[in-house]
N, C-alpha and C. Protein backbone atom coordinates (compact mmCIF):
# COMPACT_ATOMS: atom_id res chain seq x y z
N MET A 1 -44.49 117.35 25.60
CA MET A 1 -45.79 116.69 25.20
C MET A 1 -46.19 115.61 26.12
N ASP A 2 -47.57 115.30 26.11
CA ASP A 2 -48.06 114.21 26.85
C ASP A 2 -47.88 112.95 26.25
N ASN A 3 -48.10 111.86 26.96
CA ASN A 3 -47.78 110.37 26.40
C ASN A 3 -48.72 110.07 25.21
N LYS A 4 -50.02 110.60 25.21
CA LYS A 4 -50.97 110.39 24.29
C LYS A 4 -50.39 110.89 22.85
N LYS A 5 -50.07 112.27 23.09
CA LYS A 5 -49.46 112.85 21.70
C LYS A 5 -48.26 112.21 21.32
N ASN A 6 -47.39 111.83 22.20
CA ASN A 6 -46.08 111.10 22.08
C ASN A 6 -46.46 109.88 20.91
N ILE A 7 -47.38 109.16 21.46
CA ILE A 7 -47.71 107.73 20.80
C ILE A 7 -48.32 108.31 19.42
N GLU A 8 -49.27 109.29 19.36
CA GLU A 8 -49.71 109.91 18.14
C GLU A 8 -48.60 110.13 17.11
N PHE A 9 -47.57 110.95 17.59
CA PHE A 9 -46.51 111.28 16.70
C PHE A 9 -45.86 110.11 16.17
N GLU A 10 -45.35 109.10 17.03
CA GLU A 10 -44.72 108.10 16.79
C GLU A 10 -45.37 107.37 15.66
N ASN A 11 -46.66 107.01 16.02
CA ASN A 11 -47.47 106.21 14.97
C ASN A 11 -47.51 107.02 13.67
N ALA A 12 -47.47 108.33 13.72
CA ALA A 12 -47.44 108.98 12.40
C ALA A 12 -46.09 108.73 11.65
N VAL A 13 -45.03 108.71 12.37
CA VAL A 13 -43.60 108.30 11.67
C VAL A 13 -43.74 106.91 11.15
N LYS A 14 -44.35 106.05 11.91
CA LYS A 14 -44.43 104.64 11.58
C LYS A 14 -45.30 104.64 10.06
N THR A 15 -46.32 105.49 9.97
CA THR A 15 -47.23 105.59 8.89
C THR A 15 -46.32 105.97 7.64
N MET A 16 -45.44 107.01 7.85
CA MET A 16 -44.69 107.61 6.77
C MET A 16 -43.81 106.44 6.26
N MET A 17 -43.18 105.80 7.15
CA MET A 17 -42.28 104.69 6.81
C MET A 17 -42.82 103.74 5.92
N LEU A 18 -44.07 103.39 6.40
CA LEU A 18 -44.75 102.40 5.55
C LEU A 18 -45.17 102.91 4.24
N HIS A 19 -45.55 104.23 4.20
CA HIS A 19 -46.00 104.91 2.82
C HIS A 19 -44.60 104.90 1.90
N VAL A 20 -43.40 104.83 2.22
CA VAL A 20 -42.31 104.71 1.43
C VAL A 20 -41.71 103.33 1.17
N ASP A 21 -42.69 102.36 1.64
CA ASP A 21 -42.51 100.95 1.55
C ASP A 21 -41.19 100.47 2.52
N GLU A 22 -41.08 101.15 3.73
CA GLU A 22 -40.05 100.78 4.72
C GLU A 22 -40.81 99.84 5.77
N ASP A 23 -40.15 99.09 6.54
CA ASP A 23 -40.63 98.28 7.64
C ASP A 23 -40.36 98.88 8.85
N PRO A 24 -41.37 99.57 9.60
CA PRO A 24 -41.00 100.11 10.97
C PRO A 24 -40.57 99.17 11.99
N GLU A 25 -40.75 97.81 11.72
CA GLU A 25 -40.34 96.79 12.72
C GLU A 25 -39.00 96.22 12.32
N ARG A 26 -38.38 96.69 11.33
CA ARG A 26 -36.98 96.34 10.90
C ARG A 26 -36.01 96.77 12.11
N GLU A 27 -34.95 96.15 12.48
CA GLU A 27 -34.08 96.28 13.56
C GLU A 27 -33.60 97.71 13.70
N GLY A 28 -33.09 98.30 12.46
CA GLY A 28 -32.63 99.73 12.54
C GLY A 28 -33.57 100.83 12.53
N LEU A 29 -34.79 100.56 12.44
CA LEU A 29 -35.97 101.41 12.42
C LEU A 29 -36.83 101.35 13.85
N LYS A 30 -36.65 100.37 14.42
CA LYS A 30 -37.61 100.13 15.70
C LYS A 30 -37.71 101.22 16.55
N ALA A 31 -36.67 101.85 16.79
CA ALA A 31 -36.69 103.14 17.76
C ALA A 31 -36.55 104.39 17.01
N THR A 32 -36.82 104.39 15.73
CA THR A 32 -36.77 105.58 15.05
C THR A 32 -37.97 106.47 15.32
N PRO A 33 -39.10 105.91 15.34
CA PRO A 33 -40.31 107.01 15.56
C PRO A 33 -40.11 107.76 16.98
N GLU A 34 -39.34 107.11 18.03
CA GLU A 34 -39.19 107.91 19.15
C GLU A 34 -38.03 108.88 19.15
N ARG A 35 -37.00 108.49 18.22
CA ARG A 35 -35.96 109.38 17.95
C ARG A 35 -36.26 110.58 17.06
N VAL A 36 -37.19 110.44 16.02
CA VAL A 36 -37.76 111.51 15.28
C VAL A 36 -38.59 112.48 16.27
N ARG A 37 -39.48 112.04 17.21
CA ARG A 37 -40.27 112.79 18.08
C ARG A 37 -39.22 113.68 18.81
N LYS A 38 -38.30 113.05 19.41
CA LYS A 38 -37.31 113.74 20.43
C LYS A 38 -36.65 114.87 19.51
N ALA A 39 -36.30 114.58 18.15
CA ALA A 39 -35.45 115.45 17.37
C ALA A 39 -36.34 116.50 17.02
N TYR A 40 -37.66 116.33 16.59
CA TYR A 40 -38.69 117.41 16.34
C TYR A 40 -38.95 118.32 17.55
N GLU A 41 -38.90 117.76 18.77
CA GLU A 41 -39.21 118.78 19.94
C GLU A 41 -38.02 119.70 20.05
N PHE A 42 -36.76 119.32 19.63
CA PHE A 42 -35.69 120.17 19.73
C PHE A 42 -35.63 121.13 18.53
N ILE A 43 -35.73 120.48 17.39
CA ILE A 43 -35.72 121.25 16.15
C ILE A 43 -36.68 122.39 16.05
N TYR A 44 -38.04 122.19 16.59
CA TYR A 44 -38.97 123.03 16.59
C TYR A 44 -39.29 123.76 17.84
N GLY A 45 -38.22 123.77 18.82
CA GLY A 45 -38.44 124.53 20.07
C GLY A 45 -38.61 125.87 20.11
N GLY A 46 -38.36 126.46 19.01
CA GLY A 46 -38.65 128.04 18.71
C GLY A 46 -39.96 128.40 18.87
N TYR A 47 -41.09 127.40 18.84
CA TYR A 47 -42.40 127.87 19.08
C TYR A 47 -42.65 128.09 20.67
N LYS A 48 -41.88 127.59 21.55
CA LYS A 48 -42.02 127.66 22.89
C LYS A 48 -41.26 128.91 23.48
N GLU A 49 -40.53 129.66 22.80
CA GLU A 49 -39.70 130.73 23.09
C GLU A 49 -40.03 132.02 22.70
N ASP A 50 -39.80 133.05 23.63
CA ASP A 50 -40.39 134.41 23.17
C ASP A 50 -39.08 135.09 22.95
N PRO A 51 -38.94 135.57 21.80
CA PRO A 51 -37.58 136.42 21.36
C PRO A 51 -37.49 137.77 22.10
N LYS A 52 -38.79 138.34 22.43
CA LYS A 52 -38.69 139.64 23.03
C LYS A 52 -38.23 139.47 24.56
N ALA A 53 -38.64 138.43 25.19
CA ALA A 53 -38.21 138.07 26.57
C ALA A 53 -36.64 137.92 26.54
N ILE A 54 -36.19 137.32 25.62
CA ILE A 54 -34.72 137.02 25.63
C ILE A 54 -33.88 138.30 25.52
N LEU A 55 -34.39 139.21 24.55
CA LEU A 55 -33.61 140.51 24.45
C LEU A 55 -33.89 141.17 25.54
N GLU A 56 -35.08 141.45 26.19
CA GLU A 56 -35.20 142.14 27.42
C GLU A 56 -34.48 141.87 28.53
N LYS A 57 -33.97 140.64 28.75
CA LYS A 57 -33.11 140.13 29.78
C LYS A 57 -31.93 140.69 29.68
N ALA A 58 -31.43 141.32 28.59
CA ALA A 58 -29.91 141.75 28.51
C ALA A 58 -29.90 143.10 27.71
N LEU A 59 -30.81 144.09 28.22
CA LEU A 59 -30.66 145.29 27.68
C LEU A 59 -29.96 146.17 28.65
N PHE A 60 -29.02 146.98 28.20
CA PHE A 60 -27.98 147.87 28.92
C PHE A 60 -27.99 149.20 28.45
N THR A 61 -27.86 150.18 29.24
CA THR A 61 -27.83 151.60 29.00
C THR A 61 -26.32 151.83 28.38
N SER A 62 -26.33 152.50 27.20
CA SER A 62 -24.97 152.88 26.53
C SER A 62 -25.06 154.15 25.79
N SER A 63 -23.83 154.57 25.58
CA SER A 63 -23.87 156.01 24.91
C SER A 63 -23.39 155.66 23.49
N ASN A 64 -23.00 154.36 23.14
CA ASN A 64 -22.61 153.97 21.82
C ASN A 64 -23.71 154.25 20.88
N ASP A 65 -23.31 154.97 19.86
CA ASP A 65 -24.40 155.23 18.75
C ASP A 65 -23.67 154.66 17.26
N GLU A 66 -22.69 153.75 17.30
CA GLU A 66 -22.02 153.28 16.23
C GLU A 66 -22.61 151.95 15.90
N MET A 67 -22.45 151.39 14.55
CA MET A 67 -23.20 150.28 14.30
C MET A 67 -22.32 149.02 15.18
N VAL A 68 -23.18 148.17 15.47
CA VAL A 68 -23.09 146.86 16.18
C VAL A 68 -23.25 145.73 15.16
N LEU A 69 -22.31 144.79 14.77
CA LEU A 69 -22.55 143.87 13.80
C LEU A 69 -22.20 142.45 14.20
N LEU A 70 -23.18 141.42 14.15
CA LEU A 70 -22.76 140.15 14.40
C LEU A 70 -22.80 139.56 12.99
N LYS A 71 -21.78 138.96 12.59
CA LYS A 71 -21.67 138.38 11.35
C LYS A 71 -21.46 136.91 11.31
N ASP A 72 -21.91 136.17 10.36
CA ASP A 72 -21.72 134.70 10.17
C ASP A 72 -22.44 133.83 11.24
N ILE A 73 -23.61 134.28 11.72
CA ILE A 73 -24.33 133.45 12.81
C ILE A 73 -24.96 132.34 12.01
N GLU A 74 -24.58 131.12 12.28
CA GLU A 74 -24.94 129.83 11.70
C GLU A 74 -26.39 129.50 12.14
N PHE A 75 -27.03 129.02 11.25
CA PHE A 75 -28.44 128.64 11.71
C PHE A 75 -29.03 127.46 10.75
N TYR A 76 -29.81 126.78 11.25
CA TYR A 76 -30.53 125.59 10.48
C TYR A 76 -32.02 125.89 10.89
N SER A 77 -32.84 125.66 9.85
CA SER A 77 -34.09 125.66 9.73
C SER A 77 -34.89 124.73 9.08
N THR A 78 -36.14 124.80 8.87
CA THR A 78 -37.00 123.93 8.04
C THR A 78 -37.79 124.65 7.04
N CYS A 79 -37.75 124.29 5.81
CA CYS A 79 -38.55 124.83 4.88
C CYS A 79 -40.23 124.36 5.18
N GLU A 80 -41.05 125.30 5.36
CA GLU A 80 -42.42 124.89 5.67
C GLU A 80 -43.13 124.26 4.46
N HIS A 81 -42.67 124.34 3.44
CA HIS A 81 -43.31 123.75 2.24
C HIS A 81 -42.91 122.16 2.10
N HIS A 82 -41.75 121.72 2.49
CA HIS A 82 -41.51 120.45 2.22
C HIS A 82 -40.96 119.72 3.34
N LEU A 83 -40.66 120.61 4.55
CA LEU A 83 -40.12 120.07 5.78
C LEU A 83 -38.74 119.50 5.56
N LEU A 84 -37.96 120.24 4.56
CA LEU A 84 -36.53 119.86 4.53
C LEU A 84 -35.63 120.95 5.06
N PRO A 85 -34.52 120.69 5.28
CA PRO A 85 -33.54 121.76 5.91
C PRO A 85 -33.34 122.93 5.10
N ILE A 86 -33.10 123.98 5.88
CA ILE A 86 -32.51 125.30 5.20
C ILE A 86 -31.32 125.48 6.14
N ILE A 87 -30.11 125.67 5.37
CA ILE A 87 -28.84 125.84 6.19
C ILE A 87 -28.15 127.25 5.75
N GLY A 88 -27.82 127.86 6.76
CA GLY A 88 -27.22 129.16 6.34
C GLY A 88 -26.59 130.04 7.53
N ARG A 89 -26.30 131.25 7.13
CA ARG A 89 -25.73 132.32 7.98
C ARG A 89 -26.52 133.59 7.88
N VAL A 90 -26.63 134.23 9.13
CA VAL A 90 -27.29 135.42 9.34
C VAL A 90 -26.28 136.53 9.66
N HIS A 91 -26.24 137.81 9.23
CA HIS A 91 -25.55 138.82 9.56
C HIS A 91 -26.60 139.81 10.10
N VAL A 92 -26.34 140.37 11.32
CA VAL A 92 -27.25 141.23 12.01
C VAL A 92 -26.61 142.33 12.39
N ALA A 93 -27.09 143.53 12.19
CA ALA A 93 -26.42 144.88 12.62
C ALA A 93 -27.56 145.78 13.17
N TYR A 94 -27.17 146.40 14.21
CA TYR A 94 -28.09 147.66 14.72
C TYR A 94 -27.25 148.79 15.05
N ILE A 95 -27.86 149.92 15.19
CA ILE A 95 -27.29 151.18 15.61
C ILE A 95 -28.10 151.57 16.90
N PRO A 96 -27.39 151.43 17.96
CA PRO A 96 -27.95 151.73 19.33
C PRO A 96 -28.51 153.25 19.37
N ASP A 97 -29.47 153.18 20.39
CA ASP A 97 -30.15 154.60 20.58
C ASP A 97 -30.47 154.60 22.20
N GLY A 98 -29.29 154.55 22.77
CA GLY A 98 -29.57 154.53 24.36
C GLY A 98 -29.45 153.18 24.99
N LYS A 99 -29.47 152.04 24.29
CA LYS A 99 -29.38 150.85 24.77
C LYS A 99 -28.70 149.86 23.86
N VAL A 100 -28.09 148.82 24.49
CA VAL A 100 -27.35 147.94 23.71
C VAL A 100 -27.98 146.62 24.43
N VAL A 101 -27.78 145.46 23.52
CA VAL A 101 -28.34 144.23 23.92
C VAL A 101 -27.02 143.22 24.00
N GLY A 102 -27.14 142.41 25.17
CA GLY A 102 -25.95 141.36 25.17
C GLY A 102 -25.82 140.45 23.92
N LEU A 103 -24.60 140.43 23.51
CA LEU A 103 -24.21 139.89 22.22
C LEU A 103 -24.72 138.45 21.95
N SER A 104 -24.79 137.62 22.98
CA SER A 104 -25.41 136.21 22.89
C SER A 104 -26.95 136.35 22.50
N LYS A 105 -27.45 137.26 22.90
CA LYS A 105 -28.99 137.18 22.77
C LYS A 105 -29.32 137.31 21.31
N ILE A 106 -28.51 137.90 20.48
CA ILE A 106 -29.07 138.10 19.05
C ILE A 106 -29.19 136.56 18.33
N PRO A 107 -27.94 135.85 18.43
CA PRO A 107 -27.98 134.54 17.98
C PRO A 107 -29.13 133.65 18.71
N ARG A 108 -29.33 133.93 19.78
CA ARG A 108 -30.54 133.26 20.41
C ARG A 108 -31.72 133.40 19.82
N VAL A 109 -31.98 134.87 19.54
CA VAL A 109 -33.22 135.16 18.76
C VAL A 109 -33.18 134.65 17.31
N VAL A 110 -32.20 134.54 16.64
CA VAL A 110 -31.96 133.91 15.41
C VAL A 110 -32.59 132.47 15.52
N ASN A 111 -32.12 131.75 16.72
CA ASN A 111 -32.55 130.41 16.91
C ASN A 111 -33.84 130.24 17.11
N VAL A 112 -34.58 131.13 17.82
CA VAL A 112 -35.92 130.91 18.26
C VAL A 112 -36.72 131.07 16.86
N PHE A 113 -36.54 131.91 15.96
CA PHE A 113 -37.24 132.02 14.63
C PHE A 113 -36.67 130.91 13.78
N ALA A 114 -35.56 130.53 13.74
CA ALA A 114 -35.12 129.49 12.99
C ALA A 114 -35.74 128.05 13.11
N ARG A 115 -35.97 127.98 14.55
CA ARG A 115 -36.49 126.70 15.12
C ARG A 115 -38.03 126.60 14.95
N ARG A 116 -38.41 126.97 13.90
CA ARG A 116 -39.85 126.92 13.43
C ARG A 116 -39.93 126.40 11.91
N MET A 117 -41.12 126.13 11.47
CA MET A 117 -41.18 125.88 10.11
C MET A 117 -41.33 127.22 9.52
N GLN A 118 -40.42 127.51 8.42
CA GLN A 118 -40.16 128.79 7.99
C GLN A 118 -40.14 128.83 6.44
N ILE A 119 -40.19 130.32 5.96
CA ILE A 119 -39.57 130.42 4.71
C ILE A 119 -38.52 131.46 4.98
N GLN A 120 -37.38 131.63 4.10
CA GLN A 120 -36.33 132.39 4.37
C GLN A 120 -36.70 133.97 4.60
N GLU A 121 -37.49 134.35 3.57
CA GLU A 121 -37.79 135.74 3.66
C GLU A 121 -38.63 136.26 4.93
N GLN A 122 -39.53 135.15 5.52
CA GLN A 122 -40.16 135.62 6.69
C GLN A 122 -39.23 135.45 7.88
N LEU A 123 -38.32 134.57 7.95
CA LEU A 123 -37.30 134.58 8.99
C LEU A 123 -36.51 135.88 9.08
N THR A 124 -36.28 136.27 7.86
CA THR A 124 -35.38 137.49 7.84
C THR A 124 -36.13 138.53 8.32
N GLU A 125 -37.44 138.75 8.20
CA GLU A 125 -38.35 139.85 8.70
C GLU A 125 -38.47 139.77 10.11
N GLN A 126 -38.66 138.61 10.59
CA GLN A 126 -38.89 138.27 12.13
C GLN A 126 -37.91 138.63 12.92
N ILE A 127 -36.59 138.43 12.50
CA ILE A 127 -35.51 138.64 13.44
C ILE A 127 -35.47 140.16 13.33
N ALA A 128 -35.42 140.85 12.27
CA ALA A 128 -35.45 142.39 12.13
C ALA A 128 -36.48 142.95 12.98
N ASP A 129 -37.57 142.58 12.74
CA ASP A 129 -38.70 143.18 13.72
C ASP A 129 -38.67 142.95 15.10
N ALA A 130 -38.01 141.73 15.55
CA ALA A 130 -37.87 141.59 17.02
C ALA A 130 -36.74 142.57 17.50
N ILE A 131 -35.85 142.67 16.92
CA ILE A 131 -34.83 143.48 17.38
C ILE A 131 -35.31 145.06 17.44
N MET A 132 -35.84 145.35 16.22
CA MET A 132 -36.35 146.93 16.15
C MET A 132 -37.29 147.09 17.33
N ASP A 133 -38.46 146.23 17.43
CA ASP A 133 -39.44 146.45 18.24
C ASP A 133 -39.01 146.37 19.72
N THR A 134 -37.99 145.69 20.15
CA THR A 134 -37.67 145.40 21.69
C THR A 134 -36.49 146.31 22.03
N ILE A 135 -35.50 146.45 21.14
CA ILE A 135 -34.19 147.43 21.37
C ILE A 135 -34.62 148.72 21.26
N LYS A 136 -35.29 148.93 20.13
CA LYS A 136 -35.68 150.41 19.72
C LYS A 136 -34.42 151.15 19.19
N PRO A 137 -33.64 150.44 18.41
CA PRO A 137 -32.37 151.17 17.91
C PRO A 137 -32.73 152.18 16.78
N LYS A 138 -31.75 152.85 16.39
CA LYS A 138 -31.96 153.84 15.13
C LYS A 138 -32.17 153.11 13.78
N GLY A 139 -31.73 151.75 13.85
CA GLY A 139 -31.73 150.97 12.74
C GLY A 139 -31.44 149.60 12.93
N VAL A 140 -31.98 148.82 12.08
CA VAL A 140 -31.56 147.27 12.15
C VAL A 140 -31.35 146.74 10.64
N ALA A 141 -30.33 145.92 10.38
CA ALA A 141 -30.25 145.35 9.13
C ALA A 141 -29.89 143.88 9.35
N VAL A 142 -30.78 143.08 8.53
CA VAL A 142 -30.72 141.61 8.73
C VAL A 142 -30.40 141.13 7.20
N VAL A 143 -29.32 140.28 7.09
CA VAL A 143 -29.03 139.59 5.74
C VAL A 143 -28.86 138.10 5.98
N ILE A 144 -29.75 137.23 5.29
CA ILE A 144 -29.54 135.72 5.37
C ILE A 144 -29.10 135.34 4.14
N GLN A 145 -28.06 134.47 4.25
CA GLN A 145 -27.73 133.59 2.91
C GLN A 145 -27.84 132.29 3.25
N ALA A 146 -28.46 131.43 2.42
CA ALA A 146 -28.68 130.13 2.82
C ALA A 146 -29.02 129.09 1.72
N ARG A 147 -28.82 127.90 1.93
CA ARG A 147 -29.06 126.86 1.11
C ARG A 147 -30.24 126.09 1.46
N HIS A 148 -30.99 125.71 0.45
CA HIS A 148 -32.36 125.01 0.67
C HIS A 148 -32.40 123.67 0.05
N MET A 149 -32.55 122.72 1.16
CA MET A 149 -32.45 121.43 0.54
C MET A 149 -33.66 121.01 -0.15
N CYS A 150 -34.55 121.82 -0.17
CA CYS A 150 -35.88 121.40 -1.04
C CYS A 150 -35.42 121.67 -2.59
N MET A 151 -34.45 122.45 -2.73
CA MET A 151 -34.13 122.75 -3.98
C MET A 151 -32.85 121.75 -4.38
N GLU A 152 -32.22 121.35 -3.36
CA GLU A 152 -30.92 120.44 -3.83
C GLU A 152 -31.26 119.13 -3.72
N MET A 153 -32.24 118.62 -2.83
CA MET A 153 -32.40 117.22 -2.58
C MET A 153 -33.72 116.64 -3.52
N ARG A 154 -34.39 117.64 -4.02
CA ARG A 154 -35.53 117.21 -4.78
C ARG A 154 -35.78 118.34 -5.94
N GLY A 155 -36.88 118.44 -6.54
CA GLY A 155 -37.25 119.48 -7.69
C GLY A 155 -36.24 119.76 -8.51
N VAL A 156 -35.45 120.94 -8.65
CA VAL A 156 -34.52 121.26 -9.53
C VAL A 156 -33.12 120.74 -9.38
N GLU A 157 -32.95 120.23 -8.11
CA GLU A 157 -31.69 119.58 -7.76
C GLU A 157 -30.51 120.32 -8.00
N LYS A 158 -30.56 121.66 -7.65
CA LYS A 158 -29.35 122.66 -8.03
C LYS A 158 -28.68 122.74 -6.70
N ILE A 159 -27.36 121.99 -6.87
CA ILE A 159 -26.44 121.97 -5.63
C ILE A 159 -25.71 123.27 -5.52
N ASN A 160 -25.56 123.69 -4.11
CA ASN A 160 -24.86 124.82 -3.84
C ASN A 160 -25.45 126.22 -4.30
N SER A 161 -26.61 126.23 -4.79
CA SER A 161 -27.06 127.60 -4.98
C SER A 161 -27.65 128.19 -3.66
N THR A 162 -27.31 129.57 -3.68
CA THR A 162 -27.45 130.31 -2.42
C THR A 162 -28.70 131.21 -2.62
N THR A 163 -29.44 131.45 -1.50
CA THR A 163 -30.61 132.50 -1.64
C THR A 163 -30.22 133.39 -0.57
N THR A 164 -30.21 134.70 -0.99
CA THR A 164 -30.05 135.81 -0.10
C THR A 164 -31.24 136.56 0.23
N SER A 165 -31.65 137.02 1.27
CA SER A 165 -32.61 137.92 1.65
C SER A 165 -32.23 138.93 2.59
N SER A 166 -33.00 140.09 2.59
CA SER A 166 -32.49 141.32 3.50
C SER A 166 -33.68 141.88 4.04
N ALA A 167 -33.56 142.29 5.39
CA ALA A 167 -34.67 143.18 5.83
C ALA A 167 -33.89 144.58 6.55
N LEU A 168 -34.27 145.65 6.08
CA LEU A 168 -33.62 146.85 6.64
C LEU A 168 -34.64 147.76 7.26
N ARG A 169 -34.44 148.28 8.37
CA ARG A 169 -35.31 149.16 9.23
C ARG A 169 -34.40 150.31 9.51
N GLY A 170 -35.22 151.38 9.63
CA GLY A 170 -34.75 152.74 10.28
C GLY A 170 -33.62 153.24 9.31
N LEU A 171 -32.30 153.48 10.01
CA LEU A 171 -31.30 154.28 9.24
C LEU A 171 -30.59 153.25 8.25
N PHE A 172 -30.81 152.11 8.35
CA PHE A 172 -30.39 151.12 7.25
C PHE A 172 -31.08 151.30 6.01
N LYS A 173 -32.31 151.57 6.14
CA LYS A 173 -33.22 151.65 4.93
C LYS A 173 -33.28 153.33 4.30
N LYS A 174 -33.11 154.27 5.36
CA LYS A 174 -33.27 155.52 4.93
C LYS A 174 -31.78 156.20 4.31
N ASP A 175 -30.75 155.79 4.95
CA ASP A 175 -29.50 156.34 4.77
C ASP A 175 -28.44 155.52 4.00
N GLN A 176 -28.14 155.94 2.77
CA GLN A 176 -27.39 155.25 1.85
C GLN A 176 -25.99 154.86 2.44
N LYS A 177 -25.47 155.93 3.00
CA LYS A 177 -24.10 155.64 3.70
C LYS A 177 -24.01 154.56 4.65
N THR A 178 -25.08 154.54 5.56
CA THR A 178 -25.20 153.47 6.58
C THR A 178 -25.49 152.17 5.92
N ARG A 179 -26.26 152.07 4.96
CA ARG A 179 -26.65 150.71 4.28
C ARG A 179 -25.23 150.35 3.51
N SER A 180 -24.59 151.28 2.78
CA SER A 180 -23.29 150.69 2.13
C SER A 180 -22.34 150.26 3.24
N GLU A 181 -22.20 150.85 4.28
CA GLU A 181 -21.13 150.59 5.29
C GLU A 181 -21.55 149.12 5.76
N PHE A 182 -22.78 148.76 6.00
CA PHE A 182 -23.17 147.42 6.47
C PHE A 182 -22.87 146.39 5.39
N PHE A 183 -23.10 146.60 4.10
CA PHE A 183 -23.08 145.74 3.06
C PHE A 183 -21.54 145.54 2.92
N SER A 184 -20.75 146.49 3.02
CA SER A 184 -19.27 146.70 2.82
C SER A 184 -18.69 145.58 3.94
N LEU A 185 -19.08 145.77 5.25
CA LEU A 185 -18.64 144.97 6.36
C LEU A 185 -18.88 143.53 6.18
N ILE A 186 -20.10 143.30 5.81
CA ILE A 186 -20.48 141.74 5.71
C ILE A 186 -20.02 141.08 4.48
N ASN A 187 -19.58 141.90 3.58
CA ASN A 187 -18.91 141.21 2.53
C ASN A 187 -17.24 141.30 2.52
N SER A 188 -16.66 141.89 3.57
CA SER A 188 -15.40 141.86 3.58
C SER A 188 -14.79 140.51 4.34
N PRO A 189 -13.57 140.12 4.03
CA PRO A 189 -13.18 138.91 4.42
C PRO A 189 -13.16 138.92 6.01
N THR A 190 -13.34 137.81 6.58
CA THR A 190 -13.52 137.69 8.17
C THR A 190 -12.14 138.13 8.91
N GLY A 191 -11.20 137.67 8.12
CA GLY A 191 -9.84 138.05 8.94
C GLY A 191 -9.43 137.05 10.09
N THR A 192 -8.80 137.54 11.01
CA THR A 192 -8.40 136.73 12.19
C THR A 192 -9.31 136.21 13.05
N ARG A 193 -9.41 135.00 13.37
CA ARG A 193 -10.40 134.47 14.22
C ARG A 193 -9.80 134.31 15.48
N TYR A 194 -10.45 134.64 16.55
CA TYR A 194 -10.03 134.69 17.98
C TYR A 194 -10.48 133.42 18.70
């Protein structure tokens, strides 16, 4: 951000503080507008990243045609309706079709989309579509389980309710056996941690 935009952002934070009857000049709040600006630059850094480019950097030829599953990928996002946190886990599986991707790239893609203002349903679709369109596997499955602070901190105030969303592509959508194997694996106990 350029300096003019930084100042505008920080002034907007001060306005919000005044709106809730806080004093932006109070000792504990004087540096808060700058801290909030820097936090937002990190939290919303996903707008500046290209998920396709991330995946393309680590595509490798492989004869593997069995399911690859990354389970319990933690993420933090922001509800686009209230700008409050969404906290959860993503499970991603794909069935290679001549190419595999470096394992660290899938959590990075999750972060790219999570670090934007989101709704969970769209986040789920974006992850699945990026993997399907770039890796071109036989199928992709994405399940997200998350808590929404817009439900817990305000509104209905229901603590610990979890929202689950899924996006299935290719074999995961067409083949019941493949779909069942995926759901069985993500619902099984994690077991030994390495």
